[in-house]
């Protein structure tokens, strides 16, 4: 809407789209009435715009349900009152159904709950697509839950139809997400499922999460896989499943000579934390990352071994070295703590080397006109020191979180 309705009578018909949206992964018909399995989006601006608001309804609930296995989709609305355009200057309520369906770009979304309920039985015959990479169990409560991870490529047309529905989740959980071009054969897919017994007693596979990987060309005749998207759905988060999924990707590429190394596309803070945890666990098993070697500083052997064993690229290997070195550093020992701090700051100081060279060339002009220093956006030595100190403290804080996770929840040896 292009009108300011704050404080106006129209405001009572404006609702937060994040609050209005309700997701469910439905396994049995009884789940339709079970509010305990509902979950919310993290964002909805990619559907409803930056304001993340919907106009025209009171007590609105937008139900976006998926069958747990095939991801058959249902979209429906419930509300107490809808706005009367005649009473509000002709302003009509947002066509929520149309807005969502156009953004989702899924050809078959059910809008009749009875049809959706009948379609649930089709989940019993669902089988994962592609090749199984891993199977494992995770202890939960008094029992275990079983999971399997599968790999698919764009040659599997049935999977691509399934992926049309699977990828809709990224609009609500990955910022600045976009649908990928599945006509490009360089895309690879990794999907994790929970394996469980359905009411009929047979085994079913519920979707838990997935990752997409793009295989870039690496000169002269190799490829460089880049993790593009990774999402574990909210009902399955905080269970260590993302680590299993990332390890399965590593394992898939580890033995392939054509693979140079694995990179990540613009990792957010949460994914970088996961990546640090997994990579640090992996590299801690390597001889070059032994306690004695860590104290000697990062070297070429560490970078080469991390790459040859786990396809970890040099930049990430350096970060892992710093995490593991901090883990072995006695922070209460002034000499050890100072040595670690200077080592990290030397890496960050590279950011200022070009600027330092420029300042050296411009010194005569800077001496004549001190204001030029500010106009060019150059940093004084004091400013550089403050920036480096803040970078170090922020980095150390992140590293300590990773170390705590490693100590509390070491990766199982079965996936290392």
Protein backbone atom coordinates (compact mmCIF):
# COMPACT_ATOMS: atom_id res chain seq x y z
CA UNK A 1 0.00 0.00 0.00
CA UNK A 2 1.22 3.48 -0.81
CA UNK A 3 -0.63 5.18 2.03
CA UNK A 4 0.37 6.01 5.57
CA UNK A 5 -2.16 4.26 7.74
CA UNK A 6 -0.38 4.41 11.08
CA UNK A 7 -2.84 5.55 13.69
CA UNK A 8 -5.71 5.54 11.20
CA UNK A 9 -8.83 3.38 11.19
CA UNK A 10 -7.18 1.24 8.48
CA UNK A 11 -4.42 0.26 10.91
CA UNK A 12 -6.63 -2.27 12.67
CA UNK A 13 -6.78 -4.19 9.39
CA UNK A 14 -3.00 -4.42 9.05
CA UNK A 15 -1.27 -7.54 10.35
CA UNK A 16 2.31 -8.77 10.56
CA UNK A 17 2.78 -11.34 7.79
CA UNK A 18 5.33 -13.25 9.87
CA UNK A 19 2.73 -13.70 12.60
CA UNK A 20 -0.09 -14.48 10.18
CA UNK A 21 1.78 -17.25 8.36
CA UNK A 22 1.53 -20.75 9.81
CA UNK A 23 3.54 -23.69 8.48
CA UNK A 24 3.05 -27.39 9.12
CA UNK A 25 4.74 -30.56 7.94
CA UNK A 26 1.79 -32.95 8.03
CA UNK A 27 2.30 -36.71 8.46
CA UNK A 28 -1.19 -37.83 9.45
CA UNK A 29 -4.64 -36.27 9.26
CA UNK A 30 -4.63 -35.57 13.01
CA UNK A 31 -1.72 -33.15 12.49
CA UNK A 32 -4.11 -30.73 10.79
CA UNK A 33 -5.60 -29.91 14.20
CA UNK A 34 -2.35 -30.13 16.18
CA UNK A 35 -1.11 -26.60 16.84
CA UNK A 36 2.00 -27.90 18.60
CA UNK A 37 3.63 -28.81 15.27
CA UNK A 38 3.10 -25.38 13.71
CA UNK A 39 6.09 -23.17 13.01
CA UNK A 40 6.64 -19.64 11.75
CA UNK A 41 8.76 -18.08 8.99
CA UNK A 42 11.92 -16.18 9.88
CA UNK A 43 11.05 -13.60 7.24
CA UNK A 44 8.36 -12.86 4.68
CA UNK A 45 9.61 -9.71 2.95
CA UNK A 46 10.40 -11.74 -0.16
CA UNK A 47 6.65 -12.39 -0.42
CA UNK A 48 4.96 -9.34 1.11
CA UNK A 49 7.59 -6.61 0.70
CA UNK A 50 9.85 -4.81 3.17
CA UNK A 51 6.99 -3.88 5.50
CA UNK A 52 6.15 -7.58 5.97
CA UNK A 53 2.50 -6.67 6.39
CA UNK A 54 -0.88 -7.72 5.01
CA UNK A 55 -3.82 -5.33 4.71
CA UNK A 56 -7.51 -6.05 4.87
CA UNK A 57 -8.07 -8.66 7.57
CA UNK A 58 -8.58 -9.05 11.30
CA UNK A 59 -7.26 -12.15 13.09
CA UNK A 60 -5.74 -13.46 9.87
CA UNK A 61 -4.06 -16.87 9.66
CA UNK A 62 -2.40 -17.91 6.41
CA UNK A 63 -2.04 -21.68 6.40
CA UNK A 64 0.76 -23.07 4.25
CA UNK A 65 0.87 -26.80 4.87
CA UNK A 66 3.11 -29.44 3.30
CA UNK A 67 2.72 -33.20 3.41
CA UNK A 68 5.84 -34.34 5.23
CA UNK A 69 7.19 -36.62 2.48
CA UNK A 70 6.04 -35.59 -0.99
CA UNK A 71 5.60 -31.95 0.04
CA UNK A 72 2.12 -31.76 -1.44
CA UNK A 73 1.09 -28.19 -0.66
CA UNK A 74 -2.06 -26.63 0.78
CA UNK A 75 -2.76 -22.91 1.02
CA UNK A 76 -5.71 -21.49 2.92
CA UNK A 77 -6.90 -18.42 4.82
CA UNK A 78 -8.81 -17.97 8.05
CA UNK A 79 -9.85 -14.56 9.40
CA UNK A 80 -12.39 -12.92 11.66
CA UNK A 81 -13.27 -9.93 9.46
CA UNK A 82 -12.34 -8.64 6.02
CA UNK A 83 -12.29 -4.93 5.21
CA UNK A 84 -15.21 -3.37 3.32
CA UNK A 85 -13.70 -1.27 0.49
CA UNK A 86 -16.78 0.99 0.49
CA UNK A 87 -15.91 2.13 4.00
CA UNK A 88 -12.22 2.70 3.28
CA UNK A 89 -12.12 4.82 0.16
CA UNK A 90 -12.22 1.88 -2.21
CA UNK A 91 -9.09 0.28 -0.78
CA UNK A 92 -9.38 -3.48 -1.27
CA UNK A 93 -7.87 -6.19 0.93
CA UNK A 94 -4.63 -7.75 -0.28
CA UNK A 95 -5.22 -10.78 -2.47
CA UNK A 96 -3.10 -12.99 -0.23
CA UNK A 97 -3.73 -16.23 -2.09
CA UNK A 98 -2.67 -14.72 -5.42
CA UNK A 99 0.38 -12.98 -3.95
CA UNK A 100 1.70 -16.18 -2.37
CA UNK A 101 0.94 -18.44 -5.32
CA UNK A 102 2.68 -16.08 -7.75
CA UNK A 103 5.79 -15.93 -5.55
CA UNK A 104 5.92 -19.66 -4.87
CA UNK A 105 5.70 -20.48 -8.60
CA UNK A 106 4.39 -23.96 -7.86
CA UNK A 107 1.92 -25.24 -10.49
CA UNK A 108 -0.24 -27.35 -8.17
CA UNK A 109 -1.10 -25.89 -4.75
CA UNK A 110 -4.26 -27.30 -3.19
CA UNK A 111 -6.73 -24.83 -1.73
CA UNK A 112 -9.24 -27.40 -0.47
CA UNK A 113 -8.30 -28.90 2.89
CA UNK A 114 -10.29 -32.09 2.23
CA UNK A 115 -8.33 -32.71 -0.97
CA UNK A 116 -5.10 -32.12 0.92
CA UNK A 117 -6.17 -34.55 3.65
CA UNK A 118 -6.91 -37.25 1.06
CA UNK A 119 -3.55 -36.67 -0.62
CA UNK A 120 -1.67 -37.51 2.60
CA UNK A 121 -2.00 -41.24 1.89
CA UNK A 122 0.22 -40.79 -1.17
CA UNK A 123 3.13 -40.07 1.17
CA UNK A 124 3.21 -43.74 2.22
CA UNK A 125 4.66 -44.76 -1.16
CA UNK A 126 7.20 -41.95 -1.36
CA UNK A 127 10.85 -42.94 -1.80
CA UNK A 128 13.86 -40.60 -1.71
CA UNK A 129 15.39 -39.63 -5.04
CA UNK A 130 18.95 -40.33 -6.09
CA UNK A 131 21.82 -42.11 -4.34
CA UNK A 132 22.03 -42.67 -0.59
CA UNK A 133 25.18 -41.10 0.86
CA UNK A 134 24.71 -41.66 4.57
CA UNK A 135 22.44 -43.06 7.25
CA UNK A 136 22.65 -42.33 10.98
CA UNK A 137 20.68 -42.14 14.20
CA UNK A 138 20.34 -39.29 16.67
CA UNK A 139 19.29 -39.87 20.29
CA UNK A 140 16.19 -37.90 21.20
CA UNK A 141 14.41 -38.36 24.49
CA UNK A 142 14.21 -42.07 25.34
CA UNK A 143 14.76 -43.24 21.79
CA UNK A 144 16.54 -42.66 18.52
CA UNK A 145 15.47 -41.01 15.30
CA UNK A 146 16.85 -42.34 12.04
CA UNK A 147 17.99 -40.20 9.12
CA UNK A 148 19.29 -40.71 5.60
CA UNK A 149 21.00 -38.32 3.17
CA UNK A 150 20.64 -38.59 -0.62
CA UNK A 151 22.38 -36.96 -3.57
CA UNK A 152 20.65 -35.99 -6.82
CA UNK A 153 21.55 -34.08 -9.96
CA UNK A 154 19.53 -32.35 -12.67
CA UNK A 155 19.20 -35.54 -14.73
CA UNK A 156 16.56 -36.80 -12.32
CA UNK A 157 13.43 -35.12 -13.68
CA UNK A 158 11.16 -36.53 -10.98
CA UNK A 159 13.38 -34.98 -8.35
CA UNK A 160 13.24 -31.61 -10.14
CA UNK A 161 9.44 -31.68 -9.87
CA UNK A 162 9.83 -32.41 -6.16
CA UNK A 163 12.43 -29.65 -5.87
CA UNK A 164 9.91 -27.09 -7.13
CA UNK A 165 8.10 -27.52 -3.83
CA UNK A 166 11.19 -28.04 -1.68
CA UNK A 167 12.80 -24.76 -2.73
CA UNK A 168 9.78 -22.69 -1.66
CA UNK A 169 11.10 -22.81 1.91
CA UNK A 170 14.13 -20.66 1.06
CA UNK A 171 11.87 -17.62 0.52
CA UNK A 172 11.00 -17.72 4.22
CA UNK A 173 14.31 -18.82 5.76
CA UNK A 174 17.20 -17.60 3.59
CA UNK A 175 17.53 -13.85 3.09
CA UNK A 176 17.98 -12.62 -0.50
CA UNK A 177 17.26 -16.16 -1.70
CA UNK A 178 16.28 -16.90 -5.26
CA UNK A 179 15.23 -20.00 -7.13
CA UNK A 180 18.02 -21.75 -9.00
CA UNK A 181 18.13 -22.52 -12.71
CA UNK A 182 17.67 -26.29 -12.81
CA UNK A 183 18.40 -26.28 -16.56
CA UNK A 184 22.05 -25.82 -15.58
CA UNK A 185 23.56 -29.30 -15.13
CA UNK A 186 26.23 -28.01 -12.75
CA UNK A 187 23.72 -27.92 -9.87
CA UNK A 188 23.87 -30.76 -7.34
CA UNK A 189 21.34 -31.49 -4.56
CA UNK A 190 21.72 -33.08 -1.14
CA UNK A 191 18.55 -33.91 0.81
CA UNK A 192 18.19 -35.23 4.35
CA UNK A 193 15.13 -37.29 5.36
CA UNK A 194 13.85 -38.74 8.61
CA UNK A 195 13.06 -42.43 8.22
CA UNK A 196 10.04 -43.42 10.32
CA UNK A 197 7.17 -45.89 10.50
CA UNK A 198 3.84 -44.56 9.28
CA UNK A 199 0.47 -45.63 10.78
CA UNK A 200 0.23 -48.55 8.34
CA UNK A 201 3.51 -49.91 9.69
CA UNK A 202 5.63 -49.33 6.59
CA UNK A 203 8.64 -47.05 6.36
CA UNK A 204 8.27 -43.45 5.24
CA UNK A 205 10.72 -40.64 4.55
CA UNK A 206 9.96 -37.14 5.81
CA UNK A 207 11.89 -34.18 4.42
CA UNK A 208 14.20 -32.61 7.00
CA UNK A 209 16.35 -30.21 4.98
CA UNK A 210 18.55 -29.84 1.94
CA UNK A 211 21.53 -28.14 0.35
CA UNK A 212 22.35 -27.05 -3.17
CA UNK A 213 25.90 -27.07 -4.54
CA UNK A 214 27.12 -25.51 -7.78
CA UNK A 215 30.16 -27.05 -9.46
CA UNK A 216 32.22 -24.17 -10.83
CA UNK A 217 35.04 -24.66 -13.31
CA UNK A 218 38.56 -24.57 -11.85
CA UNK A 219 41.51 -24.13 -14.19
CA UNK A 220 42.73 -26.14 -16.01
CA UNK A 221 40.54 -29.25 -15.84
CA UNK A 222 38.97 -29.37 -12.39
CA UNK A 223 35.83 -28.23 -10.59
CA UNK A 224 35.29 -26.15 -7.47
CA UNK A 225 31.97 -27.04 -5.75
CA UNK A 226 30.37 -24.08 -3.98
CA UNK A 227 27.72 -24.63 -1.32
CA UNK A 228 24.95 -22.24 -2.33
CA UNK A 229 21.99 -22.91 -0.02
CA UNK A 230 21.62 -25.00 3.10
CA UNK A 231 18.45 -25.26 5.15
CA UNK A 232 17.34 -27.52 7.96
CA UNK A 233 13.62 -26.99 8.51
CA UNK A 234 12.63 -25.46 11.88
CA UNK A 235 11.11 -28.61 13.46
CA UNK A 236 14.48 -30.35 13.01
CA UNK A 237 16.90 -27.59 13.99
CA UNK A 238 19.28 -27.65 17.01
CA UNK A 239 19.80 -31.40 16.65
CA UNK A 240 23.15 -31.44 14.85
CA UNK A 241 21.60 -32.42 11.53
CA UNK A 242 23.22 -29.56 9.61
CA UNK A 243 26.64 -30.94 10.56
CA UNK A 244 25.70 -34.35 9.19
CA UNK A 245 24.48 -32.79 5.96
CA UNK A 246 27.66 -30.74 5.48
CA UNK A 247 29.81 -33.79 6.24
CA UNK A 248 27.87 -35.80 3.66
CA UNK A 249 28.68 -33.13 1.05
CA UNK A 250 32.37 -33.27 2.01
CA UNK A 251 32.33 -37.06 1.86
CA UNK A 252 30.73 -37.01 -1.60
CA UNK A 253 33.54 -34.86 -3.02
CA UNK A 254 36.45 -36.03 -0.89
CA UNK A 255 37.60 -38.86 -3.13
CA UNK A 256 37.16 -37.03 -6.43
CA UNK A 257 40.50 -36.04 -7.93
CA UNK A 258 38.82 -33.52 -10.24
CA UNK A 259 37.65 -31.46 -7.23
CA UNK A 260 40.05 -28.66 -6.31
CA UNK A 261 38.38 -27.57 -3.07
CA UNK A 262 34.98 -26.64 -1.66
CA UNK A 263 33.84 -23.07 -1.14
CA UNK A 264 30.71 -21.39 0.22
CA UNK A 265 28.60 -18.65 -1.34
CA UNK A 266 28.23 -15.64 1.00
CA UNK A 267 27.82 -17.63 4.23
CA UNK A 268 25.67 -15.99 6.89
CA UNK A 269 26.78 -16.00 10.50
CA UNK A 270 24.87 -19.16 11.37
CA UNK A 271 26.27 -21.18 8.48
CA UNK A 272 29.81 -19.91 9.06
CA UNK A 273 29.50 -21.11 12.65
CA UNK A 274 28.41 -24.55 11.42
CA UNK A 275 31.21 -24.65 8.88
CA UNK A 276 33.81 -23.64 11.49
CA UNK A 277 32.60 -26.37 13.84
CA UNK A 278 32.65 -29.13 11.21
CA UNK A 279 35.97 -28.08 9.67
CA UNK A 280 37.67 -27.70 13.05
CA UNK A 281 36.49 -31.16 14.09
CA UNK A 282 37.79 -32.61 10.83
CA UNK A 283 41.16 -30.87 10.87
CA UNK A 284 41.81 -31.70 14.52
CA UNK A 285 42.40 -35.28 13.34
CA UNK A 286 45.19 -34.24 10.94
CA UNK A 287 48.89 -34.53 11.95
CA UNK A 288 49.70 -31.06 10.65
CA UNK A 289 47.16 -29.56 13.09
CA UNK A 290 48.72 -31.19 16.15
CA UNK A 291 49.13 -29.09 19.31
CA UNK A 292 52.86 -28.62 18.75
CA UNK A 293 52.39 -27.60 15.11
CA UNK A 294 49.62 -25.16 15.96
CA UNK A 295 51.97 -23.25 18.25
CA UNK A 296 54.43 -22.84 15.38
CA UNK A 297 51.92 -20.92 13.27
CA UNK A 298 49.95 -21.55 10.10
CA UNK A 299 51.95 -23.07 7.26
CA UNK A 300 51.70 -24.50 3.77
CA UNK A 301 51.55 -28.09 5.03
CA UNK A 302 48.36 -27.35 7.00
CA UNK A 303 46.69 -25.79 3.97
CA UNK A 304 47.70 -28.68 1.71
CA UNK A 305 46.61 -31.43 4.13
CA UNK A 306 43.24 -29.78 4.86
CA UNK A 307 42.64 -29.57 1.12
CA UNK A 308 43.87 -33.04 0.19
CA UNK A 309 41.97 -34.79 2.98
CA UNK A 310 38.75 -32.78 3.20
CA UNK A 311 38.76 -30.35 0.22
CA UNK A 312 38.86 -27.40 2.66
CA UNK A 313 40.18 -24.31 0.86
CA UNK A 314 43.20 -22.36 2.08
CA UNK A 315 41.29 -19.38 3.46
CA UNK A 316 39.05 -21.59 5.58
CA UNK A 317 42.00 -23.74 6.63
CA UNK A 318 43.66 -20.63 8.04
CA UNK A 319 40.51 -19.83 10.01
CA UNK A 320 40.35 -23.39 11.34
CA UNK A 321 44.00 -23.16 12.38
CA UNK A 322 43.18 -20.06 14.44
CA UNK A 323 40.24 -21.79 16.12
CA UNK A 324 42.29 -24.83 17.02
CA UNK A 325 45.24 -22.74 18.13
CA UNK A 326 43.02 -20.73 20.45
CA UNK A 327 41.64 -24.02 21.78
CA UNK A 328 45.18 -25.03 22.73
CA UNK A 329 46.12 -21.57 24.04
CA UNK A 330 46.16 -20.88 27.76
CA UNK A 331 44.39 -17.51 27.72
CA UNK A 332 45.54 -16.91 31.30
CA UNK A 333 49.17 -17.08 30.18
CA UNK A 334 50.16 -13.61 28.98
CA UNK A 335 52.82 -14.83 26.55
CA UNK A 336 50.58 -17.46 24.91
CA UNK A 337 47.64 -15.08 24.74
CA UNK A 338 49.72 -12.27 23.24
CA UNK A 339 51.29 -14.60 20.67
CA UNK A 340 47.86 -15.75 19.50
CA UNK A 341 46.49 -12.19 19.37
CA UNK A 342 49.40 -10.91 17.28
CA UNK A 343 49.12 -13.86 14.92
CA UNK A 344 45.47 -13.10 14.18
CA UNK A 345 46.05 -9.37 13.91
CA UNK A 346 48.85 -9.89 11.40
CA UNK A 347 46.32 -11.52 9.11
CA UNK A 348 43.87 -8.66 9.55
CA UNK A 349 46.60 -6.09 9.07
CA UNK A 350 46.93 -7.22 5.45
CA UNK A 351 43.69 -5.30 4.89
CA UNK A 352 45.56 -2.07 5.57
CA UNK A 353 48.75 -2.78 3.60
CA UNK A 354 47.47 -1.27 0.35
CA UNK A 355 46.28 1.78 2.23
CA UNK A 356 49.68 2.11 3.94
CA UNK A 357 51.44 2.04 0.57
CA UNK A 358 49.10 4.71 -0.76
CA UNK A 359 49.72 6.91 2.27
CA UNK A 360 53.45 6.59 1.76
CA UNK A 361 53.12 7.81 -1.84
CA UNK A 362 50.82 10.66 -0.80
CA UNK A 363 52.85 11.73 2.25
CA UNK A 364 54.04 15.06 0.76
CA UNK A 365 50.46 16.04 -0.10
CA UNK A 366 49.12 14.81 3.25
CA UNK A 367 51.73 16.87 5.08
CA UNK A 368 50.60 19.99 3.21
CA UNK A 369 46.88 19.37 3.65
CA UNK A 370 45.91 17.34 6.77
CA UNK A 371 42.24 17.48 5.72
CA UNK A 372 43.09 15.44 2.62
CA UNK A 373 43.65 12.45 4.91
CA UNK A 374 40.02 12.59 6.01
CA UNK A 375 38.66 13.41 2.56
CA UNK A 376 40.27 10.28 1.12
CA UNK A 377 38.87 8.14 3.91
CA UNK A 378 42.32 7.04 5.05
CA UNK A 379 42.80 5.62 8.54
CA UNK A 380 45.14 7.07 11.08
CA UNK A 381 47.41 4.65 13.01
CA UNK A 382 45.13 5.08 16.01
CA UNK A 383 42.04 4.26 13.96
CA UNK A 384 43.72 1.21 12.47
CA UNK A 385 44.61 -0.01 15.93
CA UNK A 386 41.02 0.40 17.13
CA UNK A 387 39.65 -1.43 14.10
CA UNK A 388 42.13 -4.29 14.48
CA UNK A 389 41.35 -4.61 18.17
CA UNK A 390 37.60 -4.77 17.53
CA UNK A 391 38.05 -7.30 14.72
CA UNK A 392 40.18 -9.45 16.99
CA UNK A 393 37.76 -9.34 19.92
CA UNK A 394 34.79 -10.18 17.67
CA UNK A 395 36.74 -13.02 16.07
CA UNK A 396 37.89 -14.41 19.39
CA UNK A 397 34.30 -14.38 20.65
CA UNK A 398 33.13 -16.36 17.60
CA UNK A 399 36.00 -18.81 17.97
CA UNK A 400 35.21 -19.40 21.65
CA UNK A 401 31.63 -20.33 20.72
CA UNK A 402 32.94 -22.86 18.21
CA UNK A 403 35.39 -24.29 20.74
CA UNK A 404 32.62 -24.66 23.33
CA UNK A 405 30.49 -26.54 20.80
CA UNK A 406 33.39 -28.84 19.90
CA UNK A 407 33.96 -29.65 23.57
CA UNK A 408 30.28 -30.19 24.37
CA UNK A 409 29.24 -31.92 21.15
CA UNK A 410 32.20 -33.51 19.34
CA UNK A 411 31.35 -34.89 15.92
CA UNK A 412 30.78 -38.67 15.96
CA UNK A 413 33.79 -40.56 14.64
CA UNK A 414 31.47 -42.24 12.12
CA UNK A 415 31.19 -39.05 10.08
CA UNK A 416 34.72 -37.70 10.51
